[in-house]
């Protein structure tokens, strides 16, 4: 109502003054809403006492934005009509960027000239001092003169949430080492405080209730052109808390869709922590073949992209899978690494209930079972660390995830091998590294092989030398040496039985792993994975039964 100077929405039932309206639409606090309204109507705000420094900074920012506006318009004209810009037009055609999209994002072309832009800005009335402070030029190293920062590049303007040009990114078209160069910080632009494309996509983000977060300019522009418009880009840099605060004004849910290569995965994981710190709900989309959104949509179409997006993983599932990749959880050190990799993403969750749920999911997947006597204590202590938001002490996780005792089979076999050189020569060829590499006593077995190969005595000094620095081995050596007993004629069979027991343990450990993996696959309704894991579980169960028979026969001979 213009007469009453109020608004009311019959859909959401919100109403109020023009300031309330701006606060809702722009998702800004009251002081920022006042500034926006004042700028719209051209009304100067009263100056605060001792506010001269702020006012000078604001005026300089306004000048930078004005120079950026002139540069943006001039670069647009160059892209549309200059002969030199043909290479840029061909590049955009190859990437299937339409004229309408080029106009929407105000794309341009910076001529390959040292001073063409500077000359244009001076002709528009800009002083050299203002040009030098705008970020549009760079100073020469050997003198006071400056030159155009962007030359021979396709230009991507960075606009703030109100649509004002605050910075630029320029892409080379000639294979230069610096693929992209970006504006430096100025009075109008501080790195890490803005999101590319938000001025065009914020309403769609608000309407959908979630944002898709991508990395680069084209990762946003191509989806936008094909109708995916609830998307923002982090300007090719690591996501910052300020960017997340800005994004959270428009949505509380985010789908992170960075490149699927190693660098993209690491960037996604860093982003997850920052998003969780602002209590946002986070999912992660890794496209097939590690494709980026730009190439995937152009190759397979927007419908297939949206189908993939609908299957985005909850952040904890993505983090767990990343931690498990290329790691053997039977090795204590690798299990500790996996646990340490996952814990920060659980600790960052604000909700106590969600934090506990994610913790249980992670511990189940990492094989720290609450029902297992050996691991239940570790699990309780790890939860206390996470619950209390305590960072683990150095080596604390390694200590927790390393089994505190060797099995009777390990101790018995080591005792026999330490005690009898003849038995050692007969049994060691039976052992393979895969039989013991996952055991807590692996350093002792390795020392045994090395000493036997060197032809030196198997005694306390030599074993200690070979396992120096391993606290668990230091504790085990005297125990095994003291408990070594003289063997009789049948000790070979006992040793052989221990080897078989190791191998049986290996199979049973994998069966237990499969049980956990099946539970996760069933929870995720991944029928293909369930089928594959079930087949492996069936094969290993049959192998276990086959291994138990000769073991039983060996045991009967010993009796």
Protein backbone atom coordinates (compact mmCIF):
# COMPACT_ATOMS: atom_id res chain seq x y z
CA UNK A 1 0.00 0.00 0.00
CA UNK A 2 1.84 3.18 -1.19
CA UNK A 3 -0.52 5.32 0.81
CA UNK A 4 0.17 3.56 4.11
CA UNK A 5 3.78 2.76 3.13
CA UNK A 6 3.44 -0.85 4.22
CA UNK A 7 3.35 -4.27 2.55
CA UNK A 8 1.57 -7.54 3.29
CA UNK A 9 2.07 -10.98 1.68
CA UNK A 10 -1.10 -13.11 1.57
CA UNK A 11 1.04 -16.21 0.95
CA UNK A 12 3.46 -16.18 3.87
CA UNK A 13 1.47 -13.64 5.96
CA UNK A 14 4.44 -11.38 6.52
CA UNK A 15 4.16 -7.62 6.43
CA UNK A 16 5.64 -4.35 7.62
CA UNK A 17 7.48 -1.30 6.38
CA UNK A 18 9.73 -0.91 3.39
CA UNK A 19 12.65 -1.82 5.68
CA UNK A 20 10.99 -5.09 6.72
CA UNK A 21 10.44 -5.83 3.02
CA UNK A 22 14.11 -5.27 2.16
CA UNK A 23 15.21 -7.33 5.16
CA UNK A 24 13.08 -10.27 3.93
CA UNK A 25 13.99 -10.03 0.25
CA UNK A 26 17.69 -9.27 0.69
CA UNK A 27 18.11 -11.32 3.89
CA UNK A 28 20.00 -8.49 5.58
CA UNK A 29 19.86 -6.98 9.10
CA UNK A 30 18.05 -3.71 9.77
CA UNK A 31 21.10 -1.37 9.45
CA UNK A 32 21.99 -2.85 6.07
CA UNK A 33 18.34 -2.49 4.94
CA UNK A 34 18.47 1.21 5.78
CA UNK A 35 21.60 1.64 3.64
CA UNK A 36 20.01 -0.19 0.69
CA UNK A 37 16.83 1.93 0.81
CA UNK A 38 18.85 5.13 1.15
CA UNK A 39 20.97 4.21 -1.87
CA UNK A 40 17.85 3.41 -3.93
CA UNK A 41 16.22 6.79 -3.28
CA UNK A 42 19.46 8.79 -3.30
CA UNK A 43 19.10 9.99 0.29
CA UNK A 44 22.39 10.56 2.17
CA UNK A 45 22.55 8.97 5.60
CA UNK A 46 23.59 11.11 8.58
CA UNK A 47 27.25 10.73 9.46
CA UNK A 48 28.27 9.20 12.74
CA UNK A 49 30.67 11.02 15.01
CA UNK A 50 34.31 10.23 14.10
CA UNK A 51 33.05 8.41 10.99
CA UNK A 52 35.37 10.19 8.55
CA UNK A 53 37.52 7.10 7.88
CA UNK A 54 34.46 4.99 7.13
CA UNK A 55 33.01 7.68 4.88
CA UNK A 56 36.29 8.00 2.95
CA UNK A 57 36.38 4.21 2.46
CA UNK A 58 32.76 4.21 1.27
CA UNK A 59 33.41 7.01 -1.20
CA UNK A 60 36.48 5.20 -2.55
CA UNK A 61 34.40 2.01 -2.93
CA UNK A 62 31.79 3.96 -4.90
CA UNK A 63 34.52 5.27 -7.22
CA UNK A 64 35.90 1.76 -7.76
CA UNK A 65 32.41 0.47 -8.59
CA UNK A 66 31.92 3.34 -11.06
CA UNK A 67 35.20 2.56 -12.81
CA UNK A 68 34.31 -1.13 -12.82
CA UNK A 69 30.95 -0.28 -14.42
CA UNK A 70 32.64 1.67 -17.20
CA UNK A 71 35.18 -1.13 -17.75
CA UNK A 72 32.45 -3.78 -17.80
CA UNK A 73 30.39 -1.91 -20.39
CA UNK A 74 33.44 -1.24 -22.57
CA UNK A 75 34.56 -4.88 -22.42
CA UNK A 76 31.03 -5.97 -23.35
CA UNK A 77 31.18 -3.77 -26.43
CA UNK A 78 34.58 -5.22 -27.35
CA UNK A 79 33.23 -8.78 -27.12
CA UNK A 80 30.24 -7.97 -29.29
CA UNK A 81 31.95 -6.10 -32.10
CA UNK A 82 35.76 -6.01 -32.17
CA UNK A 83 37.73 -8.18 -34.60
CA UNK A 84 40.25 -9.07 -31.92
CA UNK A 85 37.46 -10.54 -29.75
CA UNK A 86 36.67 -13.16 -32.41
CA UNK A 87 38.74 -15.69 -30.45
CA UNK A 88 36.55 -15.06 -27.39
CA UNK A 89 33.32 -15.37 -29.39
CA UNK A 90 34.54 -18.68 -30.85
CA UNK A 91 35.44 -19.95 -27.38
CA UNK A 92 31.96 -19.10 -26.07
CA UNK A 93 30.35 -20.74 -29.10
CA UNK A 94 32.41 -23.88 -28.49
CA UNK A 95 31.25 -23.91 -24.85
CA UNK A 96 27.65 -23.40 -26.07
CA UNK A 97 27.18 -20.12 -24.18
CA UNK A 98 24.26 -18.32 -25.79
CA UNK A 99 24.10 -14.59 -26.51
CA UNK A 100 21.33 -14.25 -23.94
CA UNK A 101 23.54 -15.83 -21.26
CA UNK A 102 26.51 -13.67 -22.23
CA UNK A 103 24.33 -10.60 -21.72
CA UNK A 104 22.89 -11.87 -18.41
CA UNK A 105 26.39 -12.33 -16.95
CA UNK A 106 27.78 -9.19 -18.62
CA UNK A 107 30.65 -11.14 -20.21
CA UNK A 108 33.26 -9.12 -22.08
CA UNK A 109 36.65 -9.15 -23.76
CA UNK A 110 39.74 -7.23 -22.63
CA UNK A 111 41.88 -6.24 -25.66
CA UNK A 112 45.49 -7.38 -25.71
CA UNK A 113 46.79 -3.87 -25.02
CA UNK A 114 48.90 -2.37 -22.25
CA UNK A 115 46.83 0.80 -21.91
CA UNK A 116 43.60 0.64 -23.94
CA UNK A 117 41.37 0.41 -20.85
CA UNK A 118 43.35 3.06 -18.95
CA UNK A 119 42.96 5.46 -21.87
CA UNK A 120 39.22 4.76 -22.06
CA UNK A 121 38.77 5.40 -18.32
CA UNK A 122 40.72 8.68 -18.46
CA UNK A 123 38.51 9.77 -21.37
CA UNK A 124 35.50 9.03 -19.17
CA UNK A 125 36.87 11.44 -16.57
CA UNK A 126 38.70 9.11 -14.16
CA UNK A 127 41.90 10.39 -12.58
CA UNK A 128 45.09 8.32 -12.74
CA UNK A 129 45.04 8.02 -8.94
CA UNK A 130 41.55 6.50 -9.02
CA UNK A 131 42.53 4.15 -11.85
CA UNK A 132 45.61 3.00 -9.91
CA UNK A 133 43.48 2.19 -6.85
CA UNK A 134 40.73 0.42 -8.80
CA UNK A 135 42.46 -2.94 -9.30
CA UNK A 136 42.01 -2.61 -13.06
CA UNK A 137 45.70 -1.81 -13.58
CA UNK A 138 48.96 -3.10 -12.15
CA UNK A 139 52.10 -1.17 -11.27
CA UNK A 140 55.32 -1.79 -13.17
CA UNK A 141 58.08 -3.20 -11.01
CA UNK A 142 60.72 -0.77 -12.27
CA UNK A 143 58.81 2.48 -11.93
CA UNK A 144 55.63 4.37 -11.01
CA UNK A 145 53.83 3.72 -14.30
CA UNK A 146 50.97 1.24 -14.51
CA UNK A 147 49.50 -1.00 -17.21
CA UNK A 148 46.16 -2.72 -17.84
CA UNK A 149 45.89 -5.79 -15.60
CA UNK A 150 43.58 -7.73 -17.95
CA UNK A 151 44.83 -8.16 -21.53
CA UNK A 152 43.62 -10.56 -24.20
CA UNK A 153 41.21 -12.27 -21.82
CA UNK A 154 37.55 -13.27 -21.62
CA UNK A 155 36.14 -11.21 -18.77
CA UNK A 156 33.75 -12.40 -16.06
CA UNK A 157 32.39 -9.56 -13.89
CA UNK A 158 31.88 -10.37 -10.19
CA UNK A 159 28.75 -8.59 -9.01
CA UNK A 160 27.66 -8.25 -5.40
CA UNK A 161 24.20 -9.32 -4.18
CA UNK A 162 22.80 -5.94 -5.29
CA UNK A 163 24.23 -6.37 -8.82
CA UNK A 164 27.12 -3.89 -8.57
CA UNK A 165 30.42 -4.82 -10.30
CA UNK A 166 33.02 -5.13 -7.56
CA UNK A 167 35.72 -7.27 -9.24
CA UNK A 168 36.59 -9.33 -12.32
CA UNK A 169 38.04 -12.64 -13.36
CA UNK A 170 39.83 -12.93 -16.69
CA UNK A 171 40.38 -16.20 -18.56
CA UNK A 172 43.25 -16.57 -20.99
CA UNK A 173 42.43 -17.69 -24.52
CA UNK A 174 46.02 -18.23 -25.65
CA UNK A 175 47.32 -21.00 -23.42
CA UNK A 176 49.16 -18.76 -20.94
CA UNK A 177 50.40 -20.25 -17.69
CA UNK A 178 47.95 -18.20 -15.63
CA UNK A 179 44.62 -19.61 -16.84
CA UNK A 180 42.68 -17.15 -14.70
CA UNK A 181 43.75 -13.88 -13.12
CA UNK A 182 41.48 -12.08 -10.68
CA UNK A 183 41.08 -8.58 -9.31
CA UNK A 184 43.10 -7.75 -6.20
CA UNK A 185 41.37 -6.50 -3.08
CA UNK A 186 40.12 -2.92 -3.30
CA UNK A 187 37.88 -0.61 -1.32
CA UNK A 188 34.90 -2.32 -3.03
CA UNK A 189 36.12 -5.92 -2.99
CA UNK A 190 37.43 -8.14 -0.22
CA UNK A 191 38.27 -11.71 -1.20
CA UNK A 192 36.12 -14.37 0.40
CA UNK A 193 33.09 -12.19 1.04
CA UNK A 194 31.11 -12.62 -2.18
CA UNK A 195 29.62 -15.44 -4.23
CA UNK A 196 29.62 -15.38 -8.02
CA UNK A 197 26.15 -15.35 -9.58
CA UNK A 198 24.23 -14.72 -6.36
CA UNK A 199 22.73 -11.50 -7.74
CA UNK A 200 20.99 -13.59 -10.45
CA UNK A 201 20.23 -16.77 -8.53
CA UNK A 202 19.26 -15.72 -5.00
CA UNK A 203 15.49 -15.73 -5.68
CA UNK A 204 15.65 -19.25 -7.16
CA UNK A 205 17.77 -20.40 -4.21
CA UNK A 206 15.15 -19.05 -1.84
CA UNK A 207 12.33 -20.66 -3.87
CA UNK A 208 13.98 -24.10 -3.99
CA UNK A 209 15.11 -23.98 -0.37
CA UNK A 210 18.65 -25.07 -1.18
CA UNK A 211 21.72 -23.91 -3.11
CA UNK A 212 24.08 -25.87 -5.34
CA UNK A 213 27.64 -24.74 -4.62
CA UNK A 214 30.13 -25.00 -7.51
CA UNK A 215 33.71 -23.79 -8.00
CA UNK A 216 34.25 -21.79 -11.19
CA UNK A 217 32.55 -19.27 -13.45
CA UNK A 218 31.48 -21.73 -16.17
CA UNK A 219 30.44 -24.32 -13.57
CA UNK A 220 27.70 -21.83 -12.72
CA UNK A 221 27.02 -20.19 -16.08
CA UNK A 222 26.30 -23.40 -18.02
CA UNK A 223 23.83 -24.85 -15.47
CA UNK A 224 22.16 -21.44 -15.27
CA UNK A 225 21.72 -21.33 -19.04
CA UNK A 226 20.16 -24.81 -19.02
CA UNK A 227 17.68 -23.91 -16.27
CA UNK A 228 19.50 -24.86 -13.06
CA UNK A 229 19.33 -21.49 -11.37
CA UNK A 230 19.63 -22.17 -7.64
CA UNK A 231 23.42 -22.23 -7.91
CA UNK A 232 26.35 -20.11 -6.69
CA UNK A 233 30.12 -20.30 -7.19
CA UNK A 234 32.83 -19.78 -4.61
CA UNK A 235 34.96 -17.85 -7.13
CA UNK A 236 37.51 -20.63 -7.52
CA UNK A 237 38.90 -20.11 -4.00
CA UNK A 238 38.47 -22.02 -0.76
CA UNK A 239 35.04 -21.36 0.72
CA UNK A 240 35.15 -18.88 3.60
CA UNK A 241 32.94 -18.34 6.70
CA UNK A 242 31.88 -14.94 5.29
CA UNK A 243 30.68 -16.58 2.07
CA UNK A 244 28.72 -19.16 4.06
CA UNK A 245 27.11 -16.44 6.20
CA UNK A 246 26.07 -14.67 2.98
CA UNK A 247 24.66 -17.86 1.49
CA UNK A 248 22.79 -18.76 4.68
CA UNK A 249 20.68 -15.62 4.25
CA UNK A 250 18.97 -17.35 1.31
CA UNK A 251 19.05 -21.10 2.13
CA UNK A 252 19.85 -23.47 4.99
CA UNK A 253 20.62 -26.45 2.74
CA UNK A 254 23.58 -26.77 0.36
CA UNK A 255 24.62 -29.35 -2.24
CA UNK A 256 28.38 -29.13 -2.82
CA UNK A 257 29.17 -29.99 -6.45
CA UNK A 258 32.90 -29.49 -6.94
CA UNK A 259 35.10 -31.33 -9.44
CA UNK A 260 35.59 -35.02 -8.67
CA UNK A 261 39.39 -35.01 -8.94
CA UNK A 262 41.64 -35.16 -5.87
CA UNK A 263 41.88 -31.37 -5.56
CA UNK A 264 38.10 -31.02 -5.90
CA UNK A 265 37.47 -33.68 -3.24
CA UNK A 266 39.80 -31.91 -0.81
CA UNK A 267 38.14 -28.55 -1.54
CA UNK A 268 34.70 -30.12 -0.97
CA UNK A 269 35.78 -31.54 2.39
CA UNK A 270 37.11 -28.16 3.54
CA UNK A 271 33.84 -26.54 2.45
CA UNK A 272 31.81 -29.09 4.42
CA UNK A 273 33.49 -28.13 7.70
CA UNK A 274 32.79 -24.44 7.13
CA UNK A 275 29.18 -25.05 6.10
CA UNK A 276 28.56 -27.25 9.15
CA UNK A 277 29.97 -24.55 11.43
CA UNK A 278 27.06 -22.34 10.30
CA UNK A 279 24.62 -25.18 11.01
CA UNK A 280 23.70 -25.76 7.36
CA UNK A 281 22.51 -29.11 6.06
CA UNK A 282 25.10 -30.38 3.59
CA UNK A 283 25.03 -32.93 0.80
CA UNK A 284 27.77 -33.70 -1.71
CA UNK A 285 27.41 -34.45 -5.42
CA UNK A 286 30.34 -36.09 -7.22
CA UNK A 287 29.42 -36.56 -10.87
CA UNK A 288 30.37 -39.76 -12.77
CA UNK A 289 33.90 -39.86 -14.20
CA UNK A 290 34.79 -36.89 -11.95
CA UNK A 291 33.11 -34.52 -14.42
CA UNK A 292 32.49 -30.87 -13.58
CA UNK A 293 28.92 -29.47 -13.87
CA UNK A 294 29.74 -27.55 -17.06
CA UNK A 295 30.91 -30.51 -19.13
CA UNK A 296 28.42 -32.96 -17.61
CA UNK A 297 25.34 -30.88 -18.49
CA UNK A 298 26.59 -30.16 -22.01
CA UNK A 299 27.27 -33.86 -22.58
CA UNK A 300 24.31 -35.55 -20.86
CA UNK A 301 21.70 -32.81 -20.49
CA UNK A 302 20.10 -31.04 -17.56
CA UNK A 303 17.62 -33.84 -16.74
CA UNK A 304 20.42 -36.31 -16.14
CA UNK A 305 22.25 -33.72 -14.05
CA UNK A 306 19.15 -33.16 -11.92
CA UNK A 307 18.78 -36.93 -11.49
CA UNK A 308 22.35 -37.12 -10.22
CA UNK A 309 21.77 -34.11 -7.98
CA UNK A 310 18.74 -35.80 -6.41
CA UNK A 311 21.04 -38.68 -5.40
CA UNK A 312 23.61 -36.44 -3.70
CA UNK A 313 25.14 -38.05 -0.61
CA UNK A 314 24.70 -36.73 2.92
CA UNK A 315 27.99 -35.15 3.90
CA UNK A 316 28.85 -37.81 6.47
CA UNK A 317 28.50 -40.60 3.91
CA UNK A 318 30.81 -38.73 1.52
CA UNK A 319 33.38 -38.15 4.25
CA UNK A 320 33.30 -41.79 5.39
CA UNK A 321 33.73 -43.11 1.85
CA UNK A 322 36.61 -40.71 1.29
CA UNK A 323 38.28 -41.89 4.52
CA UNK A 324 37.87 -45.55 3.57
CA UNK A 325 39.26 -45.11 0.06
CA UNK A 326 42.63 -46.87 -0.40
CA UNK A 327 42.88 -47.79 3.29
CA UNK A 328 43.03 -51.19 4.97
CA UNK A 329 41.13 -50.98 8.27
CA UNK A 330 42.88 -54.10 9.58
CA UNK A 331 46.06 -52.04 9.83
CA UNK A 332 45.91 -50.04 13.07
CA UNK A 333 47.75 -47.03 11.64
CA UNK A 334 45.41 -46.80 8.64
CA UNK A 335 42.32 -47.23 10.81
CA UNK A 336 43.59 -44.40 13.03
CA UNK A 337 44.10 -42.20 9.96
CA UNK A 338 40.54 -42.89 8.80
CA UNK A 339 39.09 -42.09 12.24
CA UNK A 340 41.12 -38.87 12.48
CA UNK A 341 39.93 -37.84 9.01
CA UNK A 342 36.25 -38.31 9.88
CA UNK A 343 36.05 -36.89 13.43
CA UNK A 344 36.29 -33.15 12.51
CA UNK A 345 33.19 -33.42 10.31
CA UNK A 346 31.24 -34.98 13.17
CA UNK A 347 32.58 -32.51 15.74
CA UNK A 348 31.48 -29.58 13.54
CA UNK A 349 27.80 -30.64 13.65
CA UNK A 350 25.80 -28.35 15.96
CA UNK A 351 22.88 -30.64 16.79
CA UNK A 352 23.72 -33.09 19.60
CA UNK A 353 21.26 -35.66 18.23
CA UNK A 354 22.65 -35.45 14.69
CA UNK A 355 26.19 -35.51 16.01
CA UNK A 356 25.50 -38.81 17.82
CA UNK A 357 23.79 -40.30 14.78
CA UNK A 358 26.67 -39.36 12.48
CA UNK A 359 29.20 -40.64 15.02
CA UNK A 360 27.49 -44.05 15.18
CA UNK A 361 27.32 -44.25 11.38
CA UNK A 362 31.04 -43.46 11.10
CA UNK A 363 32.15 -45.84 13.84
CA UNK A 364 30.09 -48.69 12.37
CA UNK A 365 31.60 -48.08 8.94
CA UNK A 366 35.14 -47.87 10.34
CA UNK A 367 34.83 -51.13 12.26
CA UNK A 368 34.80 -49.71 15.79
CA UNK A 369 31.96 -51.88 17.01
CA UNK A 370 30.03 -50.99 20.16
CA UNK A 371 29.32 -54.69 20.83
CA UNK A 372 32.95 -55.81 20.48
CA UNK A 373 34.82 -56.13 23.77
CA UNK A 374 38.06 -54.81 22.27
CA UNK A 375 36.54 -51.79 20.49
CA UNK A 376 33.63 -50.69 22.70
CA UNK A 377 35.98 -48.85 25.10
CA UNK A 378 37.67 -47.00 22.22
CA UNK A 379 34.26 -46.02 20.90
CA UNK A 380 33.16 -44.56 24.24
CA UNK A 381 36.33 -42.50 24.59
CA UNK A 382 36.12 -41.26 20.99
CA UNK A 383 32.51 -40.19 21.58
CA UNK A 384 33.53 -38.25 24.68
CA UNK A 385 36.11 -36.38 22.56
CA UNK A 386 33.50 -35.56 19.93
CA UNK A 387 30.71 -34.74 22.38
CA UNK A 388 32.91 -32.34 24.32
CA UNK A 389 34.34 -30.82 21.10
CA UNK A 390 37.83 -31.78 22.22
CA UNK A 391 40.59 -32.22 19.69
CA UNK A 392 42.37 -35.52 20.10
CA UNK A 393 45.80 -35.40 21.72
CA UNK A 394 48.69 -36.28 19.38
CA UNK A 395 48.69 -40.05 18.79
CA UNK A 396 45.58 -40.47 21.00
CA UNK A 397 43.48 -41.91 18.19
CA UNK A 398 46.32 -44.21 17.11
CA UNK A 399 46.52 -45.48 20.68
CA UNK A 400 42.79 -46.05 20.85
CA UNK A 401 42.49 -47.86 17.54
CA UNK A 402 45.47 -50.13 18.05
CA UNK A 403 44.52 -53.43 19.61
CA UNK A 404 45.86 -53.62 23.16
CA UNK A 405 46.51 -57.38 23.23
CA UNK A 406 47.79 -59.98 20.83
CA UNK A 407 45.63 -63.06 20.33
CA UNK A 408 46.62 -66.35 21.94
CA UNK A 409 47.37 -67.72 18.46
CA UNK A 410 49.86 -64.93 17.78
CA UNK A 411 51.61 -65.32 21.13
CA UNK A 412 51.77 -69.10 20.84
CA UNK A 413 53.20 -69.06 17.31
CA UNK A 414 55.78 -66.38 18.15
CA UNK A 415 56.82 -68.30 21.26
CA UNK A 416 57.37 -71.47 19.25
CA UNK A 417 59.30 -69.67 16.52
CA UNK A 418 61.47 -67.75 18.97
CA UNK A 419 62.33 -70.95 20.84
CA UNK A 420 63.29 -73.37 18.08
CA UNK A 421 65.49 -72.63 15.05
CA UNK A 422 64.56 -75.90 13.29
CA UNK A 423 60.86 -75.18 13.68
CA UNK A 424 61.46 -71.63 12.47
CA UNK A 425 63.10 -72.82 9.25
CA UNK A 426 60.15 -75.14 8.63
CA UNK A 427 57.31 -72.72 9.45
CA UNK A 428 58.54 -69.36 8.13
CA UNK A 429 58.26 -70.47 4.48
CA UNK A 430 54.60 -71.29 5.21
CA UNK A 431 53.90 -67.72 6.32
CA UNK A 432 53.06 -64.95 3.87
CA UNK A 433 53.18 -61.26 4.66
CA UNK A 434 49.41 -61.06 4.23
CA UNK A 435 49.04 -63.54 7.12
CA UNK A 436 50.42 -61.13 9.71
CA UNK A 437 50.56 -57.59 8.20
CA UNK A 438 47.23 -56.62 9.82
CA UNK A 439 48.08 -57.94 13.28
CA UNK A 440 49.29 -55.95 16.26
CA UNK A 441 52.35 -58.23 16.36
CA UNK A 442 53.30 -57.52 12.71
CA UNK A 443 56.53 -55.70 13.74
CA UNK A 444 57.66 -58.83 15.63
CA UNK A 445 56.98 -61.12 12.68
CA UNK A 446 58.86 -58.75 10.37
CA UNK A 447 61.79 -58.64 12.81
CA UNK A 448 61.79 -62.42 12.95
CA UNK A 449 62.01 -62.73 9.16
CA UNK A 450 64.80 -60.13 8.95
CA UNK A 451 66.89 -61.68 11.73
CA UNK A 452 66.48 -65.15 10.26
CA UNK A 453 67.54 -63.84 6.85
CA UNK A 454 70.59 -62.15 8.42
CA UNK A 455 71.49 -65.36 10.28
CA UNK A 456 71.73 -63.71 13.71
CA UNK A 457 70.39 -64.87 17.08
CA UNK A 458 66.73 -64.38 17.94
CA UNK A 459 67.21 -62.71 21.32
CA UNK A 460 66.01 -59.72 23.28
CA UNK A 461 68.70 -57.31 22.05
CA UNK A 462 68.29 -58.08 18.35
CA UNK A 463 64.48 -58.06 18.51
CA UNK A 464 64.54 -54.73 20.38
CA UNK A 465 66.90 -53.27 17.79
CA UNK A 466 64.62 -54.29 14.91
CA UNK A 467 61.45 -52.93 16.57
CA UNK A 468 62.93 -49.78 18.08
CA UNK A 469 60.33 -47.07 18.64
CA UNK A 470 57.34 -49.43 18.68
CA UNK A 471 55.90 -49.33 22.19
CA UNK A 472 53.64 -52.33 21.67
CA UNK A 473 56.55 -54.47 20.41
CA UNK A 474 58.68 -53.38 23.35
CA UNK A 475 55.98 -54.67 25.69
CA UNK A 476 55.45 -57.92 23.80
CA UNK A 477 59.09 -59.05 23.36
CA UNK A 478 59.78 -59.99 27.02
CA UNK A 479 56.33 -61.57 27.38
CA UNK A 480 56.80 -63.84 24.37
CA UNK A 481 60.41 -64.72 25.27
CA UNK A 482 59.46 -65.55 28.87
CA UNK A 483 56.49 -67.67 27.84
CA UNK A 484 58.38 -69.61 25.16
CA UNK A 485 58.27 -73.29 26.08
CA UNK A 486 60.26 -76.27 24.89
CA UNK A 487 58.44 -78.06 22.10
CA UNK A 488 57.93 -81.75 21.57
CA UNK A 489 57.43 -83.79 18.48
CA UNK A 490 54.03 -82.36 17.72
CA UNK A 491 54.80 -78.65 17.99
CA UNK A 492 55.02 -78.40 14.20
CA UNK A 493 51.37 -79.25 14.02
CA UNK A 494 50.55 -76.61 16.63
CA UNK A 495 52.48 -74.01 14.63
CA UNK A 496 50.77 -75.07 11.43
CA UNK A 497 47.43 -74.76 13.19
CA UNK A 498 48.31 -71.21 14.26
CA UNK A 499 49.09 -70.29 10.63
CA UNK A 500 45.72 -71.65 9.61
CA UNK A 501 44.14 -69.73 12.47
CA UNK A 502 45.64 -66.51 11.14
CA UNK A 503 44.17 -67.18 7.76
CA UNK A 504 40.84 -68.06 9.27
CA UNK A 505 40.94 -64.81 11.27
CA UNK A 506 41.53 -62.95 8.03
CA UNK A 507 38.44 -64.48 6.44
CA UNK A 508 36.32 -63.86 9.53
CA UNK A 509 37.46 -60.23 9.68
CA UNK A 510 36.38 -59.71 6.08
CA UNK A 511 33.03 -61.41 6.78
CA UNK A 512 32.55 -58.96 9.67
CA UNK A 513 33.49 -56.06 7.38
CA UNK A 514 30.96 -57.24 4.82
CA UNK A 515 28.27 -57.35 7.50
CA UNK A 516 28.86 -53.66 8.23
CA UNK A 517 29.09 -52.72 4.56
CA UNK A 518 25.87 -54.59 3.80
CA UNK A 519 24.05 -52.75 6.58
CA UNK A 520 25.17 -49.41 5.11
CA UNK A 521 24.27 -50.45 1.54
CA UNK A 522 20.81 -51.60 2.67
CA UNK A 523 20.26 -48.34 4.54
CA UNK A 524 21.19 -46.45 1.37
CA UNK A 525 18.97 -48.75 -0.73
CA UNK A 526 21.88 -49.50 -3.07
CA UNK A 527 20.59 -52.78 -4.53
CA UNK A 528 23.58 -53.28 -6.85
CA UNK A 529 26.03 -52.97 -3.98
CA UNK A 530 23.92 -55.22 -1.75
CA UNK A 531 23.98 -57.92 -4.43
CA UNK A 532 27.75 -57.67 -4.90
CA UNK A 533 28.53 -57.72 -1.18
CA UNK A 534 26.12 -60.60 -0.53
CA UNK A 535 27.85 -62.69 -3.21
CA UNK A 536 31.26 -62.03 -1.62
CA UNK A 537 29.89 -62.84 1.81
CA UNK A 538 28.53 -66.16 0.55
CA UNK A 539 31.87 -67.08 -1.05
CA UNK A 540 33.82 -66.27 2.10
CA UNK A 541 31.40 -68.20 4.30
CA UNK A 542 31.99 -71.27 2.12
CA UNK A 543 35.76 -70.71 2.33
CA UNK A 544 35.52 -70.45 6.11
CA UNK A 545 33.74 -73.78 6.32
CA UNK A 546 36.39 -75.38 4.11
CA UNK A 547 39.16 -73.99 6.32
CA UNK A 548 37.59 -75.19 9.56
CA UNK A 549 37.69 -78.86 8.54
CA UNK A 550 41.51 -79.32 8.29
CA UNK A 551 41.91 -77.18 11.39
CA UNK A 552 39.64 -79.55 13.33
CA UNK A 553 41.64 -82.54 12.09
CA UNK A 554 44.90 -80.89 13.18
CA UNK A 555 43.45 -80.19 16.62
CA UNK A 556 42.42 -83.86 17.01
CA UNK A 557 45.99 -85.01 16.18
CA UNK A 558 47.38 -82.66 18.85
CA UNK A 559 45.02 -84.15 21.44
